[in-house]
Amino acid sequence: MDLITIASDALAVCVNQTGAELWSITDQAGRNYMTDADPAFWTGHAPVLFPVIGSVAHDRIVVDGQVYPMARHGFARHAHFEIVERGADHVRFRLGDSDATRTQYPFAFQLDLAFRVSGWHVEVTAHVTNPGDTDMPFSFGFHPAFAWPLPGGADKSAHRLTFAHDEPEPIHRLDQTTGLLLPEPAASPVVCRDLPLTSDLFDSDAIVWTDQRSRALTYGAPGGASLDIAFPDSPMLGLWQKPGAHYICIEPWQGYADPQGFDGDFATKPGLVILPPGDTHSLHLSIMVHPS
């Protein structure tokens, strides 16, 4: 495991070079605002989801009539990224296409993940570039698992999400066998802007918004620590935990799992970005820590 540490005067941020995965956000008192990765529940921290999010039908994608195997959440989360820039408070990782990636995803690509910390603020930016000569369809998702409860003494049951805007639109759920997006919408658990967090929210797996109004939210509990999380470029959002675990995944997405019944060419899947040759698409994730 190659953990790279960057730091400010307030926070130390560790990133695993495998997957360019955000590993921990720790303050000077040693309090970690991310998951404890208890193996009884889930050992992930913040995997990068590319070029798909969630499950695809039959674990494959179809491109121009050819079938390519594709695992849940894609291959970037297990890939070795190169370090292309590094300083005391920032680091940038890069993954490019290869013979191995083209057996799953027949497109030229460059995926950069840039991390920067300043004071109590952590910024993560994904840059997806198409160096090829054909349009490149893809999804990208952030999957950070934050501590629940956050360090600082507030009770777990007091934690909530407060969205930037009212969120009355229905949510979607996933088929617990296939991981595909169920077609039937469900009533939103958000009351105006507020979502009190309870483990039973996730008895039916993740909560998915396929078209969310908010691009920012606050996570925390009154009297305790909180996180301001902004995702200005991600129109979809997933929330997930394994019930009883010590984390909550707050996942800004561009894309989502295959809808149940989808069996078309990958480029026709809902929610994708179609990136023209020579273009770059950037997605930002901002995390501001407010200690208790």
C-alpha atoms as a PDB file:
ATOM      1  CA  MET A   1       0.000   0.000   0.000  1.00  0.00           C
ATOM      2  CA  ASP A   2       1.452   3.368  -1.070  1.00  0.00           C
ATOM      3  CA  LEU A   3      -0.164   6.113   1.014  1.00  0.00           C
ATOM      4  CA  ILE A   4       0.719   9.661   0.023  1.00  0.00           C
ATOM      5  CA  THR A   5       0.234  12.356   2.680  1.00  0.00           C
ATOM      6  CA  ILE A   6      -0.400  16.047   2.024  1.00  0.00           C
ATOM      7  CA  ALA A   7      -1.060  18.521   4.803  1.00  0.00           C
ATOM      8  CA  SER A   8      -2.087  22.014   5.850  1.00  0.00           C
ATOM      9  CA  ASP A   9      -1.735  23.657   9.235  1.00  0.00           C
ATOM     10  CA  ALA A  10      -5.025  22.005  10.250  1.00  0.00           C
ATOM     11  CA  LEU A  11      -5.404  18.700   8.390  1.00  0.00           C
ATOM     12  CA  ALA A  12      -3.406  15.745   7.111  1.00  0.00           C
ATOM     13  CA  VAL A  13      -4.895  14.020   4.066  1.00  0.00           C
ATOM     14  CA  CYS A  14      -3.776  10.545   2.974  1.00  0.00           C
ATOM     15  CA  VAL A  15      -4.401   9.175  -0.519  1.00  0.00           C
ATOM     16  CA  ASN A  16      -3.719   5.620  -1.662  1.00  0.00           C
ATOM     17  CA  GLN A  17      -1.837   5.524  -4.966  1.00  0.00           C
ATOM     18  CA  THR A  18      -3.786   2.385  -5.853  1.00  0.00           C
ATOM     19  CA  GLY A  19      -7.047   3.766  -7.159  1.00  0.00           C
ATOM     20  CA  ALA A  20      -6.069   7.355  -6.273  1.00  0.00           C
ATOM     21  CA  GLU A  21      -8.359   6.739  -3.309  1.00  0.00           C
ATOM     22  CA  LEU A  22      -8.845   9.306  -0.556  1.00  0.00           C
ATOM     23  CA  TRP A  23      -7.919   7.337   2.561  1.00  0.00           C
ATOM     24  CA  SER A  24      -8.224   9.663   5.562  1.00  0.00           C
ATOM     25  CA  ILE A  25      -8.774  13.264   6.654  1.00  0.00           C
ATOM     26  CA  THR A  26      -7.239  13.759  10.085  1.00  0.00           C
ATOM     27  CA  ASP A  27      -6.913  16.899  12.199  1.00  0.00           C
ATOM     28  CA  GLN A  28      -4.051  17.811  14.514  1.00  0.00           C
ATOM     29  CA  ALA A  29      -5.832  16.184  17.434  1.00  0.00           C
ATOM     30  CA  GLY A  30      -5.754  12.863  15.556  1.00  0.00           C
ATOM     31  CA  ARG A  31      -9.487  12.811  14.793  1.00  0.00           C
ATOM     32  CA  ASN A  32     -10.287  11.089  11.470  1.00  0.00           C
ATOM     33  CA  TYR A  33     -13.339  12.394   9.620  1.00  0.00           C
ATOM     34  CA  MET A  34     -13.503   9.379   7.320  1.00  0.00           C
ATOM     35  CA  THR A  35     -14.441   5.715   7.749  1.00  0.00           C
ATOM     36  CA  ASP A  36     -12.688   3.345  10.141  1.00  0.00           C
ATOM     37  CA  ALA A  37     -12.875   0.713   7.341  1.00  0.00           C
ATOM     38  CA  ASP A  38     -13.999  -1.956   9.795  1.00  0.00           C
ATOM     39  CA  PRO A  39     -13.742  -5.237   7.813  1.00  0.00           C
ATOM     40  CA  ALA A  40     -16.923  -6.461   9.479  1.00  0.00           C
ATOM     41  CA  PHE A  41     -18.764  -4.010   7.200  1.00  0.00           C
ATOM     42  CA  TRP A  42     -16.707  -2.568   4.320  1.00  0.00           C
ATOM     43  CA  THR A  43     -12.997  -1.915   3.847  1.00  0.00           C
ATOM     44  CA  GLY A  44     -13.347   0.818   1.229  1.00  0.00           C
ATOM     45  CA  HIS A  45     -12.550   4.457   1.918  1.00  0.00           C
ATOM     46  CA  ALA A  46     -13.414   6.514  -1.169  1.00  0.00           C
ATOM     47  CA  PRO A  47     -13.064   4.477  -4.372  1.00  0.00           C
ATOM     48  CA  VAL A  48     -13.024   6.224  -7.740  1.00  0.00           C
ATOM     49  CA  LEU A  49     -15.879   5.050  -9.984  1.00  0.00           C
ATOM     50  CA  PHE A  50     -14.863   5.003 -13.673  1.00  0.00           C
ATOM     51  CA  PRO A  51     -15.878   4.365 -16.440  1.00  0.00           C
ATOM     52  CA  VAL A  52     -19.129   3.044 -14.940  1.00  0.00           C
ATOM     53  CA  ILE A  53     -21.001   3.595 -11.694  1.00  0.00           C
ATOM     54  CA  GLY A  54     -22.594   0.664  -9.962  1.00  0.00           C
ATOM     55  CA  SER A  55     -23.583  -2.487 -11.822  1.00  0.00           C
ATOM     56  CA  VAL A  56     -24.042  -2.986 -15.553  1.00  0.00           C
ATOM     57  CA  ALA A  57     -26.377  -5.616 -16.953  1.00  0.00           C
ATOM     58  CA  HIS A  58     -24.751  -9.045 -17.209  1.00  0.00           C
ATOM     59  CA  ASP A  59     -21.433  -7.484 -16.059  1.00  0.00           C
ATOM     60  CA  ARG A  60     -20.644  -6.242 -19.544  1.00  0.00           C
ATOM     61  CA  ILE A  61     -20.977  -3.256 -21.804  1.00  0.00           C
ATOM     62  CA  VAL A  62     -21.685  -3.272 -25.539  1.00  0.00           C
ATOM     63  CA  VAL A  63     -19.757  -0.896 -27.809  1.00  0.00           C
ATOM     64  CA  ASP A  64     -20.486  -0.948 -31.549  1.00  0.00           C
ATOM     65  CA  GLY A  65     -21.831  -4.483 -31.273  1.00  0.00           C
ATOM     66  CA  GLN A  66     -18.811  -5.826 -29.369  1.00  0.00           C
ATOM     67  CA  VAL A  67     -19.172  -7.116 -25.807  1.00  0.00           C
ATOM     68  CA  TYR A  68     -16.653  -6.116 -23.129  1.00  0.00           C
ATOM     69  CA  PRO A  69     -16.585  -7.408 -19.532  1.00  0.00           C
ATOM     70  CA  MET A  70     -17.077  -4.665 -16.942  1.00  0.00           C
ATOM     71  CA  ALA A  71     -17.059  -5.133 -13.172  1.00  0.00           C
ATOM     72  CA  ARG A  72     -19.213  -3.149 -10.752  1.00  0.00           C
ATOM     73  CA  HIS A  73     -17.949   0.448 -10.449  1.00  0.00           C
ATOM     74  CA  GLY A  74     -15.388  -0.075 -13.234  1.00  0.00           C
ATOM     75  CA  PHE A  75     -11.657  -0.688 -13.117  1.00  0.00           C
ATOM     76  CA  ALA A  76     -10.103   2.614 -11.955  1.00  0.00           C
ATOM     77  CA  ARG A  77     -10.577   1.848  -8.254  1.00  0.00           C
ATOM     78  CA  HIS A  78      -8.141  -1.087  -8.496  1.00  0.00           C
ATOM     79  CA  ALA A  79      -5.663   0.499 -10.925  1.00  0.00           C
ATOM     80  CA  HIS A  80      -2.192   1.845 -10.203  1.00  0.00           C
ATOM     81  CA  PHE A  81      -2.061   5.594 -10.819  1.00  0.00           C
ATOM     82  CA  GLU A  82       1.163   7.451 -11.556  1.00  0.00           C
ATOM     83  CA  ILE A  83       2.088  10.536  -9.539  1.00  0.00           C
ATOM     84  CA  VAL A  84       2.557  13.402 -12.010  1.00  0.00           C
ATOM     85  CA  GLU A  85       2.731  16.326  -9.560  1.00  0.00           C
ATOM     86  CA  ARG A  86       3.396  16.532  -5.836  1.00  0.00           C
ATOM     87  CA  GLY A  87       3.926  19.203  -3.200  1.00  0.00           C
ATOM     88  CA  ALA A  88       3.468  19.570   0.546  1.00  0.00           C
ATOM     89  CA  ASP A  89      -0.216  20.464   0.190  1.00  0.00           C
ATOM     90  CA  HIS A  90      -1.179  18.868  -3.138  1.00  0.00           C
ATOM     91  CA  VAL A  91      -0.760  15.770  -5.278  1.00  0.00           C
ATOM     92  CA  ARG A  92      -1.977  14.742  -8.732  1.00  0.00           C
ATOM     93  CA  PHE A  93      -2.389  11.162  -9.970  1.00  0.00           C
ATOM     94  CA  ARG A  94      -2.885   9.905 -13.529  1.00  0.00           C
ATOM     95  CA  LEU A  95      -4.269   6.775 -15.167  1.00  0.00           C
ATOM     96  CA  GLY A  96      -4.170   6.244 -18.929  1.00  0.00           C
ATOM     97  CA  ASP A  97      -5.582   3.611 -21.216  1.00  0.00           C
ATOM     98  CA  SER A  98      -3.538   0.460 -21.793  1.00  0.00           C
ATOM     99  CA  ASP A  99      -3.825  -2.949 -23.363  1.00  0.00           C
ATOM    100  CA  ALA A 100      -5.461  -4.123 -20.109  1.00  0.00           C
ATOM    101  CA  THR A 101      -8.067  -1.353 -19.975  1.00  0.00           C
ATOM    102  CA  ARG A 102      -8.941  -1.726 -23.668  1.00  0.00           C
ATOM    103  CA  THR A 103     -10.052  -5.323 -23.077  1.00  0.00           C
ATOM    104  CA  GLN A 104     -12.837  -3.817 -20.916  1.00  0.00           C
ATOM    105  CA  TYR A 105     -13.291  -0.321 -22.321  1.00  0.00           C
ATOM    106  CA  PRO A 106     -12.179   0.229 -25.930  1.00  0.00           C
ATOM    107  CA  PHE A 107     -11.442   3.940 -25.663  1.00  0.00           C
ATOM    108  CA  ALA A 108      -8.361   6.082 -25.260  1.00  0.00           C
ATOM    109  CA  PHE A 109      -8.581   8.119 -22.048  1.00  0.00           C
ATOM    110  CA  GLN A 110      -6.616  10.023 -19.452  1.00  0.00           C
ATOM    111  CA  LEU A 111      -7.980  10.231 -15.910  1.00  0.00           C
ATOM    112  CA  ASP A 112      -6.332  12.648 -13.470  1.00  0.00           C
ATOM    113  CA  LEU A 113      -7.234  12.939  -9.778  1.00  0.00           C
ATOM    114  CA  ALA A 114      -5.915  16.068  -8.075  1.00  0.00           C
ATOM    115  CA  PHE A 115      -5.994  16.573  -4.295  1.00  0.00           C
ATOM    116  CA  ARG A 116      -5.298  19.820  -2.448  1.00  0.00           C
ATOM    117  CA  VAL A 117      -5.641  20.797   1.221  1.00  0.00           C
ATOM    118  CA  SER A 118      -5.740  24.334   2.615  1.00  0.00           C
ATOM    119  CA  GLY A 119      -6.605  24.973   6.245  1.00  0.00           C
ATOM    120  CA  TRP A 120      -9.716  22.930   6.982  1.00  0.00           C
ATOM    121  CA  HIS A 121     -10.604  22.572   3.286  1.00  0.00           C
ATOM    122  CA  VAL A 122      -9.984  19.520   1.072  1.00  0.00           C
ATOM    123  CA  GLU A 123     -10.524  19.760  -2.669  1.00  0.00           C
ATOM    124  CA  VAL A 124     -10.611  16.787  -5.037  1.00  0.00           C
ATOM    125  CA  THR A 125     -10.845  17.314  -8.804  1.00  0.00           C
ATOM    126  CA  ALA A 126     -11.211  14.651 -11.470  1.00  0.00           C
ATOM    127  CA  HIS A 127     -10.162  15.546 -15.015  1.00  0.00           C
ATOM    128  CA  VAL A 128     -11.283  13.115 -17.726  1.00  0.00           C
ATOM    129  CA  THR A 129      -9.642  13.705 -21.112  1.00  0.00           C
ATOM    130  CA  ASN A 130     -10.360  12.077 -24.461  1.00  0.00           C
ATOM    131  CA  PRO A 131      -7.085  11.853 -26.434  1.00  0.00           C
ATOM    132  CA  GLY A 132      -8.683   9.619 -29.066  1.00  0.00           C
ATOM    133  CA  ASP A 133     -10.364  10.368 -32.370  1.00  0.00           C
ATOM    134  CA  THR A 134     -13.910   9.183 -31.517  1.00  0.00           C
ATOM    135  CA  ASP A 135     -16.478  10.268 -28.961  1.00  0.00           C
ATOM    136  CA  MET A 136     -15.868   8.717 -25.542  1.00  0.00           C
ATOM    137  CA  PRO A 137     -18.852   7.762 -23.338  1.00  0.00           C
ATOM    138  CA  PHE A 138     -18.209   7.446 -19.610  1.00  0.00           C
ATOM    139  CA  SER A 139     -19.531   7.880 -16.101  1.00  0.00           C
ATOM    140  CA  PHE A 140     -17.568   9.119 -13.115  1.00  0.00           C
ATOM    141  CA  GLY A 141     -18.429   8.986  -9.439  1.00  0.00           C
ATOM    142  CA  PHE A 142     -16.968   9.956  -6.086  1.00  0.00           C
ATOM    143  CA  HIS A 143     -17.592   7.425  -3.274  1.00  0.00           C
ATOM    144  CA  PRO A 144     -16.252   8.923  -0.006  1.00  0.00           C
ATOM    145  CA  ALA A 145     -17.181   7.191   3.249  1.00  0.00           C
ATOM    146  CA  PHE A 146     -17.319   9.672   6.120  1.00  0.00           C
ATOM    147  CA  ALA A 147     -17.278   8.775   9.789  1.00  0.00           C
ATOM    148  CA  TRP A 148     -20.720   8.267  11.300  1.00  0.00           C
ATOM    149  CA  PRO A 149     -20.717   9.566  13.942  1.00  0.00           C
ATOM    150  CA  LEU A 150     -18.208  12.274  13.151  1.00  0.00           C
ATOM    151  CA  PRO A 151     -15.496  12.703  15.797  1.00  0.00           C
ATOM    152  CA  GLY A 152     -16.307  15.190  18.521  1.00  0.00           C
ATOM    153  CA  GLY A 153     -18.895  13.557  20.732  1.00  0.00           C
ATOM    154  CA  ALA A 154     -22.264  14.121  19.048  1.00  0.00           C
ATOM    155  CA  ASP A 155     -24.554  11.099  19.146  1.00  0.00           C
ATOM    156  CA  LYS A 156     -24.828   9.029  15.977  1.00  0.00           C
ATOM    157  CA  SER A 157     -28.616   9.316  15.985  1.00  0.00           C
ATOM    158  CA  ALA A 158     -28.407  13.134  15.881  1.00  0.00           C
ATOM    159  CA  HIS A 159     -26.600  13.236  12.528  1.00  0.00           C
ATOM    160  CA  ARG A 160     -28.419  14.544   9.489  1.00  0.00           C
ATOM    161  CA  LEU A 161     -27.942  15.839   5.982  1.00  0.00           C
ATOM    162  CA  THR A 162     -29.112  19.355   5.170  1.00  0.00           C
ATOM    163  CA  PHE A 163     -29.308  19.966   1.433  1.00  0.00           C
ATOM    164  CA  ALA A 164     -28.782  23.322  -0.243  1.00  0.00           C
ATOM    165  CA  HIS A 165     -32.331  23.179  -1.670  1.00  0.00           C
ATOM    166  CA  ASP A 166     -35.566  21.349  -0.989  1.00  0.00           C
ATOM    167  CA  GLU A 167     -35.424  17.810  -2.398  1.00  0.00           C
ATOM    168  CA  PRO A 168     -39.003  16.633  -3.027  1.00  0.00           C
ATOM    169  CA  GLU A 169     -38.200  14.517  -6.102  1.00  0.00           C
ATOM    170  CA  PRO A 170     -38.574  10.741  -5.783  1.00  0.00           C
ATOM    171  CA  ILE A 171     -35.578   8.534  -5.123  1.00  0.00           C
ATOM    172  CA  HIS A 172     -34.659   5.249  -6.748  1.00  0.00           C
ATOM    173  CA  ARG A 173     -33.499   1.961  -5.272  1.00  0.00           C
ATOM    174  CA  LEU A 174     -31.325  -0.860  -6.568  1.00  0.00           C
ATOM    175  CA  ASP A 175     -32.262  -4.486  -7.118  1.00  0.00           C
ATOM    176  CA  GLN A 176     -30.441  -6.190  -4.249  1.00  0.00           C
ATOM    177  CA  THR A 177     -29.571  -9.215  -6.394  1.00  0.00           C
ATOM    178  CA  THR A 178     -28.350  -7.576  -9.607  1.00  0.00           C
ATOM    179  CA  GLY A 179     -27.509  -4.042  -8.428  1.00  0.00           C
ATOM    180  CA  LEU A 180     -29.506  -2.581 -11.335  1.00  0.00           C
ATOM    181  CA  LEU A 181     -31.646   0.531 -10.913  1.00  0.00           C
ATOM    182  CA  LEU A 182     -35.267  -0.339 -10.252  1.00  0.00           C
ATOM    183  CA  PRO A 183     -37.768   1.479 -12.494  1.00  0.00           C
ATOM    184  CA  GLU A 184     -40.281   2.293  -9.775  1.00  0.00           C
ATOM    185  CA  PRO A 185     -39.568   5.590  -7.971  1.00  0.00           C
ATOM    186  CA  ALA A 186     -40.001   5.828  -4.204  1.00  0.00           C
ATOM    187  CA  ALA A 187     -40.996   8.768  -2.039  1.00  0.00           C
ATOM    188  CA  SER A 188     -38.132  10.974  -0.964  1.00  0.00           C
ATOM    189  CA  PRO A 189     -37.145  10.606   2.714  1.00  0.00           C
ATOM    190  CA  VAL A 190     -36.038  14.261   2.730  1.00  0.00           C
ATOM    191  CA  VAL A 191     -38.328  16.663   4.584  1.00  0.00           C
ATOM    192  CA  CYS A 192     -37.840  19.994   2.789  1.00  0.00           C
ATOM    193  CA  ARG A 193     -34.038  20.176   3.030  1.00  0.00           C
ATOM    194  CA  ASP A 194     -33.409  17.815   5.960  1.00  0.00           C
ATOM    195  CA  LEU A 195     -32.694  14.090   6.048  1.00  0.00           C
ATOM    196  CA  PRO A 196     -32.242  12.618   9.554  1.00  0.00           C
ATOM    197  CA  LEU A 197     -29.875   9.662   9.224  1.00  0.00           C
ATOM    198  CA  THR A 198     -30.863   6.242  10.514  1.00  0.00           C
ATOM    199  CA  SER A 199     -29.415   2.855   9.571  1.00  0.00           C
ATOM    200  CA  ASP A 200     -32.812   1.537   8.476  1.00  0.00           C
ATOM    201  CA  LEU A 201     -32.736   3.977   5.556  1.00  0.00           C
ATOM    202  CA  PHE A 202     -30.339   1.487   3.966  1.00  0.00           C
ATOM    203  CA  ASP A 203     -32.181  -1.761   4.638  1.00  0.00           C
ATOM    204  CA  SER A 204     -32.968  -1.783   0.899  1.00  0.00           C
ATOM    205  CA  ASP A 205     -29.413  -0.790  -0.074  1.00  0.00           C
ATOM    206  CA  ALA A 206     -28.462   2.613  -1.496  1.00  0.00           C
ATOM    207  CA  ILE A 207     -30.643   5.673  -1.965  1.00  0.00           C
ATOM    208  CA  VAL A 208     -30.203   7.162  -5.446  1.00  0.00           C
ATOM    209  CA  TRP A 209     -31.193  10.545  -6.841  1.00  0.00           C
ATOM    210  CA  THR A 210     -30.991  10.535 -10.639  1.00  0.00           C
ATOM    211  CA  ASP A 211     -31.714  14.256 -10.963  1.00  0.00           C
ATOM    212  CA  GLN A 212     -31.041  16.216  -7.823  1.00  0.00           C
ATOM    213  CA  ARG A 213     -31.608  19.926  -7.295  1.00  0.00           C
ATOM    214  CA  SER A 214     -28.818  20.483  -4.769  1.00  0.00           C
ATOM    215  CA  ARG A 215     -25.114  20.607  -5.546  1.00  0.00           C
ATOM    216  CA  ALA A 216     -24.098  21.014  -1.907  1.00  0.00           C
ATOM    217  CA  LEU A 217     -25.074  19.758   1.531  1.00  0.00           C
ATOM    218  CA  THR A 218     -24.005  19.818   5.166  1.00  0.00           C
ATOM    219  CA  TYR A 219     -23.462  16.610   7.119  1.00  0.00           C
ATOM    220  CA  GLY A 220     -23.219  16.554  10.900  1.00  0.00           C
ATOM    221  CA  ALA A 221     -25.024  16.880  14.212  1.00  0.00           C
ATOM    222  CA  PRO A 222     -25.940  19.885  16.378  1.00  0.00           C
ATOM    223  CA  GLY A 223     -23.168  20.600  18.848  1.00  0.00           C
ATOM    224  CA  GLY A 224     -20.709  18.315  17.060  1.00  0.00           C
ATOM    225  CA  ALA A 225     -18.441  18.373  14.033  1.00  0.00           C
ATOM    226  CA  SER A 226     -19.854  18.950  10.568  1.00  0.00           C
ATOM    227  CA  LEU A 227     -18.757  18.788   6.930  1.00  0.00           C
ATOM    228  CA  ASP A 228     -19.809  21.138   4.148  1.00  0.00           C
ATOM    229  CA  ILE A 229     -19.708  19.034   0.974  1.00  0.00           C
ATOM    230  CA  ALA A 230     -20.050  20.632  -2.474  1.00  0.00           C
ATOM    231  CA  PHE A 231     -20.216  18.833  -5.836  1.00  0.00           C
ATOM    232  CA  PRO A 232     -21.043  21.495  -8.438  1.00  0.00           C
ATOM    233  CA  ASP A 233     -20.583  19.247 -11.487  1.00  0.00           C
ATOM    234  CA  SER A 234     -22.438  16.114 -10.332  1.00  0.00           C
ATOM    235  CA  PRO A 235     -26.202  16.015 -10.975  1.00  0.00           C
ATOM    236  CA  MET A 236     -26.780  12.633  -9.314  1.00  0.00           C
ATOM    237  CA  LEU A 237     -26.202  11.461  -5.753  1.00  0.00           C
ATOM    238  CA  GLY A 238     -26.043   8.162  -3.916  1.00  0.00           C
ATOM    239  CA  LEU A 239     -26.182   7.534  -0.169  1.00  0.00           C
ATOM    240  CA  TRP A 240     -25.131   4.181   1.244  1.00  0.00           C
ATOM    241  CA  GLN A 241     -23.903   2.252   4.213  1.00  0.00           C
ATOM    242  CA  LYS A 242     -24.093  -1.295   5.455  1.00  0.00           C
ATOM    243  CA  PRO A 243     -26.571  -0.948   8.317  1.00  0.00           C
ATOM    244  CA  GLY A 244     -24.792  -0.596  11.630  1.00  0.00           C
ATOM    245  CA  ALA A 245     -21.437   0.428  10.157  1.00  0.00           C
ATOM    246  CA  HIS A 246     -19.454   3.462  11.300  1.00  0.00           C
ATOM    247  CA  TYR A 247     -19.640   5.385   8.028  1.00  0.00           C
ATOM    248  CA  ILE A 248     -22.016   7.073   5.637  1.00  0.00           C
ATOM    249  CA  CYS A 249     -21.143   7.207   1.941  1.00  0.00           C
ATOM    250  CA  ILE A 250     -22.137  10.515   0.347  1.00  0.00           C
ATOM    251  CA  GLU A 251     -21.517   9.909  -3.362  1.00  0.00           C
ATOM    252  CA  PRO A 252     -21.767  12.634  -6.022  1.00  0.00           C
ATOM    253  CA  TRP A 253     -22.150  10.979  -9.418  1.00  0.00           C
ATOM    254  CA  GLN A 254     -22.296  11.675 -13.112  1.00  0.00           C
ATOM    255  CA  GLY A 255     -24.220   8.546 -14.081  1.00  0.00           C
ATOM    256  CA  TYR A 256     -25.666   5.587 -12.219  1.00  0.00           C
ATOM    257  CA  ALA A 257     -26.174   1.834 -12.504  1.00  0.00           C
ATOM    258  CA  ASP A 258     -27.839   0.359 -15.574  1.00  0.00           C
ATOM    259  CA  PRO A 259     -31.616   0.747 -15.343  1.00  0.00           C
ATOM    260  CA  GLN A 260     -33.328  -2.615 -15.076  1.00  0.00           C
ATOM    261  CA  GLY A 261     -34.134  -3.750 -18.628  1.00  0.00           C
ATOM    262  CA  PHE A 262     -31.440  -1.645 -20.328  1.00  0.00           C
ATOM    263  CA  ASP A 263     -29.621  -3.693 -22.956  1.00  0.00           C
ATOM    264  CA  GLY A 264     -28.400  -1.147 -25.488  1.00  0.00           C
ATOM    265  CA  ASP A 265     -25.085   0.217 -26.681  1.00  0.00           C
ATOM    266  CA  PHE A 266     -23.077   1.760 -23.872  1.00  0.00           C
ATOM    267  CA  ALA A 267     -23.222   5.214 -25.478  1.00  0.00           C
ATOM    268  CA  THR A 268     -27.046   5.203 -25.197  1.00  0.00           C
ATOM    269  CA  LYS A 269     -27.119   4.531 -21.459  1.00  0.00           C
ATOM    270  CA  PRO A 270     -28.837   7.309 -19.461  1.00  0.00           C
ATOM    271  CA  GLY A 271     -26.668   9.648 -17.423  1.00  0.00           C
ATOM    272  CA  LEU A 272     -23.387   9.318 -19.329  1.00  0.00           C
ATOM    273  CA  VAL A 273     -21.048  12.055 -20.526  1.00  0.00           C
ATOM    274  CA  ILE A 274     -20.225  11.834 -24.242  1.00  0.00           C
ATOM    275  CA  LEU A 275     -16.801  13.466 -24.480  1.00  0.00           C
ATOM    276  CA  PRO A 276     -15.656  14.659 -27.939  1.00  0.00           C
ATOM    277  CA  PRO A 277     -12.092  14.025 -29.122  1.00  0.00           C
ATOM    278  CA  GLY A 278      -9.581  16.360 -27.510  1.00  0.00           C
ATOM    279  CA  ASP A 279     -11.956  17.566 -24.770  1.00  0.00           C
ATOM    280  CA  THR A 280     -11.621  17.384 -20.992  1.00  0.00           C
ATOM    281  CA  HIS A 281     -14.500  17.069 -18.525  1.00  0.00           C
ATOM    282  CA  SER A 282     -13.805  18.077 -14.902  1.00  0.00           C
ATOM    283  CA  LEU A 283     -15.718  17.204 -11.742  1.00  0.00           C
ATOM    284  CA  HIS A 284     -15.044  18.789  -8.361  1.00  0.00           C
ATOM    285  CA  LEU A 285     -15.615  17.636  -4.798  1.00  0.00           C
ATOM    286  CA  SER A 286     -15.108  20.112  -1.953  1.00  0.00           C
ATOM    287  CA  ILE A 287     -15.016  19.089   1.723  1.00  0.00           C
ATOM    288  CA  MET A 288     -14.875  21.777   4.424  1.00  0.00           C
ATOM    289  CA  VAL A 289     -14.315  20.419   7.926  1.00  0.00           C
ATOM    290  CA  HIS A 290     -15.861  22.194  10.909  1.00  0.00           C
ATOM    291  CA  PRO A 291     -14.467  20.509  14.049  1.00  0.00           C
ATOM    292  CA  SER A 292     -16.592  20.327  17.182  1.00  0.00           C
END
